[in-house]
Every structure is written in C-alpha cells, then in structure tokens.
Amino acid sequence: MANFNFNKVILGGRLTADPELKTTPSGLSVTSFTIAVNRRFGEKKDGEQQADFFNVTAWRQTAEFITR
C-alpha cells in the first residue's frame, strides 16, 4: 500500500449555489459545490479584489451533513 501524505486546508468563503445531495448507483452519498474566496491585491484596504473559486466534492456522511 502506498504512503499518502494529506494536507488540511480550511477555506472561508461563500457558496456559489446550494449543494445538492446525490446518490451513486452503488448507494454512496455525494455532493459537489463551489466556494468563492476573496483575494486582495495591493497593500491598502481599497486594493483591487478578485475571487478564487474552489470546486469541492464530499462523500458519504460528510455529504449528508453538508446538505442538511
């Protein structure tokens, strides 16, 4: 078995749409959603802003929890 190292990422942003719970043919719960996270450019508060979009997929109990 291969050794995998995983990093944890915590993103604070807003959902671009409501997550929708789906079920695979084998019965697994899955949901996909996109989070928009603002990023500022420049040193001042009024610097240019841009959003980064992150596609997220959650499986099993996590997918069910997210869509409650």
N, C-alpha and C. Protein backbone atom coordinates (compact mmCIF):
# COMPACT_ATOMS: atom_id res chain seq x y z
N MET A 1 0.84 -1.17 0.00
CA MET A 1 0.00 0.00 0.00
C MET A 1 0.89 1.24 0.00
N ALA A 2 0.55 2.20 -0.81
CA ALA A 2 1.35 3.43 -0.92
C ALA A 2 1.13 4.33 0.28
N ASN A 3 2.17 5.06 0.64
CA ASN A 3 2.05 6.05 1.71
C ASN A 3 1.58 7.36 1.12
N PHE A 4 0.51 7.91 1.66
CA PHE A 4 -0.02 9.19 1.20
C PHE A 4 0.07 10.19 2.34
N ASN A 5 0.52 11.38 2.03
CA ASN A 5 0.52 12.48 2.98
C ASN A 5 -0.52 13.48 2.53
N PHE A 6 -1.45 13.80 3.41
CA PHE A 6 -2.51 14.73 3.07
C PHE A 6 -2.35 16.00 3.90
N ASN A 7 -2.62 17.13 3.26
CA ASN A 7 -2.62 18.41 3.94
C ASN A 7 -4.05 18.81 4.23
N LYS A 8 -4.24 19.56 5.31
CA LYS A 8 -5.56 20.07 5.65
C LYS A 8 -5.64 21.51 5.19
N VAL A 9 -6.76 21.85 4.55
CA VAL A 9 -7.00 23.21 4.08
C VAL A 9 -8.31 23.69 4.66
N ILE A 10 -8.33 24.89 5.20
CA ILE A 10 -9.56 25.50 5.70
C ILE A 10 -9.81 26.76 4.88
N LEU A 11 -10.94 26.77 4.18
CA LEU A 11 -11.29 27.90 3.33
C LEU A 11 -12.50 28.62 3.92
N GLY A 12 -12.44 29.93 3.94
CA GLY A 12 -13.57 30.75 4.37
C GLY A 12 -14.06 31.54 3.18
N GLY A 13 -15.26 31.29 2.78
CA GLY A 13 -15.79 31.97 1.60
C GLY A 13 -17.30 31.84 1.56
N ARG A 14 -17.83 31.92 0.36
CA ARG A 14 -19.28 31.83 0.20
C ARG A 14 -19.59 30.80 -0.89
N LEU A 15 -20.74 30.14 -0.71
CA LEU A 15 -21.18 29.17 -1.70
C LEU A 15 -21.69 29.90 -2.94
N THR A 16 -21.40 29.37 -4.10
CA THR A 16 -21.91 29.97 -5.34
C THR A 16 -23.31 29.46 -5.66
N ALA A 17 -23.69 28.32 -5.10
CA ALA A 17 -25.03 27.73 -5.26
C ALA A 17 -25.26 26.74 -4.12
N ASP A 18 -26.51 26.38 -3.88
CA ASP A 18 -26.82 25.41 -2.83
C ASP A 18 -26.29 24.03 -3.21
N PRO A 19 -25.63 23.34 -2.26
CA PRO A 19 -25.18 21.97 -2.53
C PRO A 19 -26.39 21.05 -2.70
N GLU A 20 -26.28 20.08 -3.60
CA GLU A 20 -27.37 19.14 -3.85
C GLU A 20 -26.87 17.72 -3.60
N LEU A 21 -27.57 17.01 -2.74
CA LEU A 21 -27.19 15.63 -2.40
C LEU A 21 -27.59 14.69 -3.53
N LYS A 22 -26.66 13.84 -3.95
CA LYS A 22 -26.92 12.82 -4.97
C LYS A 22 -26.45 11.48 -4.44
N THR A 23 -26.91 10.41 -5.06
CA THR A 23 -26.53 9.07 -4.66
C THR A 23 -25.99 8.33 -5.87
N THR A 24 -24.86 7.66 -5.70
CA THR A 24 -24.28 6.87 -6.79
C THR A 24 -25.10 5.59 -6.97
N PRO A 25 -24.95 4.90 -8.10
CA PRO A 25 -25.66 3.63 -8.29
C PRO A 25 -25.35 2.58 -7.21
N SER A 26 -24.17 2.68 -6.59
CA SER A 26 -23.82 1.74 -5.52
C SER A 26 -24.32 2.19 -4.15
N GLY A 27 -25.02 3.34 -4.08
CA GLY A 27 -25.63 3.78 -2.83
C GLY A 27 -24.82 4.77 -2.02
N LEU A 28 -23.69 5.27 -2.53
CA LEU A 28 -22.89 6.24 -1.79
C LEU A 28 -23.46 7.65 -1.97
N SER A 29 -23.49 8.41 -0.89
CA SER A 29 -23.93 9.81 -0.96
C SER A 29 -22.78 10.67 -1.42
N VAL A 30 -23.08 11.65 -2.29
CA VAL A 30 -22.05 12.56 -2.80
C VAL A 30 -22.69 13.92 -3.06
N THR A 31 -21.95 14.97 -2.79
CA THR A 31 -22.37 16.32 -3.13
C THR A 31 -21.17 17.10 -3.65
N SER A 32 -21.42 17.97 -4.61
CA SER A 32 -20.37 18.84 -5.15
C SER A 32 -20.85 20.28 -5.06
N PHE A 33 -19.92 21.17 -4.75
CA PHE A 33 -20.26 22.58 -4.66
C PHE A 33 -19.01 23.40 -4.92
N THR A 34 -19.21 24.71 -5.11
CA THR A 34 -18.10 25.62 -5.37
C THR A 34 -18.10 26.71 -4.31
N ILE A 35 -16.91 27.03 -3.80
CA ILE A 35 -16.73 28.10 -2.81
C ILE A 35 -15.94 29.23 -3.47
N ALA A 36 -16.44 30.46 -3.31
CA ALA A 36 -15.74 31.64 -3.81
C ALA A 36 -15.03 32.31 -2.63
N VAL A 37 -13.73 32.55 -2.75
CA VAL A 37 -12.92 33.15 -1.69
C VAL A 37 -12.29 34.43 -2.24
N ASN A 38 -12.52 35.55 -1.55
CA ASN A 38 -11.95 36.83 -1.99
C ASN A 38 -10.45 36.87 -1.75
N ARG A 39 -9.77 37.55 -2.67
CA ARG A 39 -8.33 37.79 -2.53
C ARG A 39 -8.07 39.25 -2.86
N ARG A 40 -7.29 39.93 -2.04
CA ARG A 40 -6.97 41.34 -2.27
C ARG A 40 -5.59 41.48 -2.86
N PHE A 41 -5.45 42.48 -3.74
CA PHE A 41 -4.16 42.83 -4.32
C PHE A 41 -3.80 44.22 -3.84
N GLY A 42 -2.56 44.45 -3.56
CA GLY A 42 -2.14 45.76 -3.08
C GLY A 42 -2.08 45.78 -1.57
N GLU A 43 -1.44 46.79 -1.04
CA GLU A 43 -1.23 46.87 0.40
C GLU A 43 -2.33 47.61 1.14
N LYS A 44 -3.08 48.46 0.45
CA LYS A 44 -4.11 49.26 1.10
C LYS A 44 -5.42 48.50 1.17
N LYS A 45 -6.33 48.97 2.05
CA LYS A 45 -7.64 48.35 2.19
C LYS A 45 -8.44 48.44 0.89
N ASP A 46 -8.23 49.51 0.13
CA ASP A 46 -9.01 49.69 -1.09
C ASP A 46 -8.34 49.07 -2.31
N GLY A 47 -7.46 48.10 -2.09
CA GLY A 47 -6.77 47.43 -3.19
C GLY A 47 -7.75 46.62 -4.05
N GLU A 48 -7.31 46.28 -5.23
CA GLU A 48 -8.15 45.52 -6.16
C GLU A 48 -8.49 44.16 -5.57
N GLN A 49 -9.74 43.72 -5.75
CA GLN A 49 -10.18 42.42 -5.25
C GLN A 49 -10.48 41.47 -6.40
N GLN A 50 -10.24 40.20 -6.14
CA GLN A 50 -10.53 39.14 -7.10
C GLN A 50 -10.98 37.93 -6.29
N ALA A 51 -11.81 37.09 -6.88
CA ALA A 51 -12.26 35.89 -6.18
C ALA A 51 -11.62 34.66 -6.81
N ASP A 52 -11.22 33.74 -5.95
CA ASP A 52 -10.75 32.42 -6.39
C ASP A 52 -11.90 31.44 -6.15
N PHE A 53 -12.12 30.51 -7.08
CA PHE A 53 -13.20 29.55 -6.98
C PHE A 53 -12.62 28.16 -6.78
N PHE A 54 -13.14 27.45 -5.76
CA PHE A 54 -12.67 26.12 -5.42
C PHE A 54 -13.82 25.13 -5.57
N ASN A 55 -13.62 24.11 -6.41
CA ASN A 55 -14.61 23.04 -6.56
C ASN A 55 -14.35 22.00 -5.48
N VAL A 56 -15.41 21.63 -4.75
CA VAL A 56 -15.29 20.70 -3.62
C VAL A 56 -16.25 19.54 -3.84
N THR A 57 -15.80 18.33 -3.53
CA THR A 57 -16.65 17.14 -3.57
C THR A 57 -16.58 16.46 -2.21
N ALA A 58 -17.74 16.16 -1.64
CA ALA A 58 -17.81 15.49 -0.34
C ALA A 58 -18.56 14.17 -0.51
N TRP A 59 -18.13 13.16 0.23
CA TRP A 59 -18.68 11.81 0.12
C TRP A 59 -19.29 11.34 1.44
N ARG A 60 -20.16 10.38 1.37
CA ARG A 60 -20.76 9.64 2.49
C ARG A 60 -21.40 10.56 3.53
N GLN A 61 -21.06 10.38 4.81
CA GLN A 61 -21.69 11.14 5.89
C GLN A 61 -21.40 12.63 5.79
N THR A 62 -20.22 12.99 5.29
CA THR A 62 -19.89 14.41 5.14
C THR A 62 -20.83 15.07 4.13
N ALA A 63 -21.10 14.39 3.03
CA ALA A 63 -22.04 14.91 2.02
C ALA A 63 -23.43 15.09 2.60
N GLU A 64 -23.87 14.13 3.40
CA GLU A 64 -25.19 14.22 4.02
C GLU A 64 -25.25 15.36 5.03
N PHE A 65 -24.19 15.56 5.79
CA PHE A 65 -24.13 16.65 6.77
C PHE A 65 -24.18 18.02 6.09
N ILE A 66 -23.46 18.18 5.01
CA ILE A 66 -23.39 19.46 4.31
C ILE A 66 -24.75 19.87 3.77
N THR A 67 -25.53 18.91 3.29
CA THR A 67 -26.79 19.24 2.64
C THR A 67 -27.99 19.31 3.59
N ARG A 68 -27.77 19.18 4.88
CA ARG A 68 -28.88 19.29 5.84
C ARG A 68 -29.38 20.69 5.94
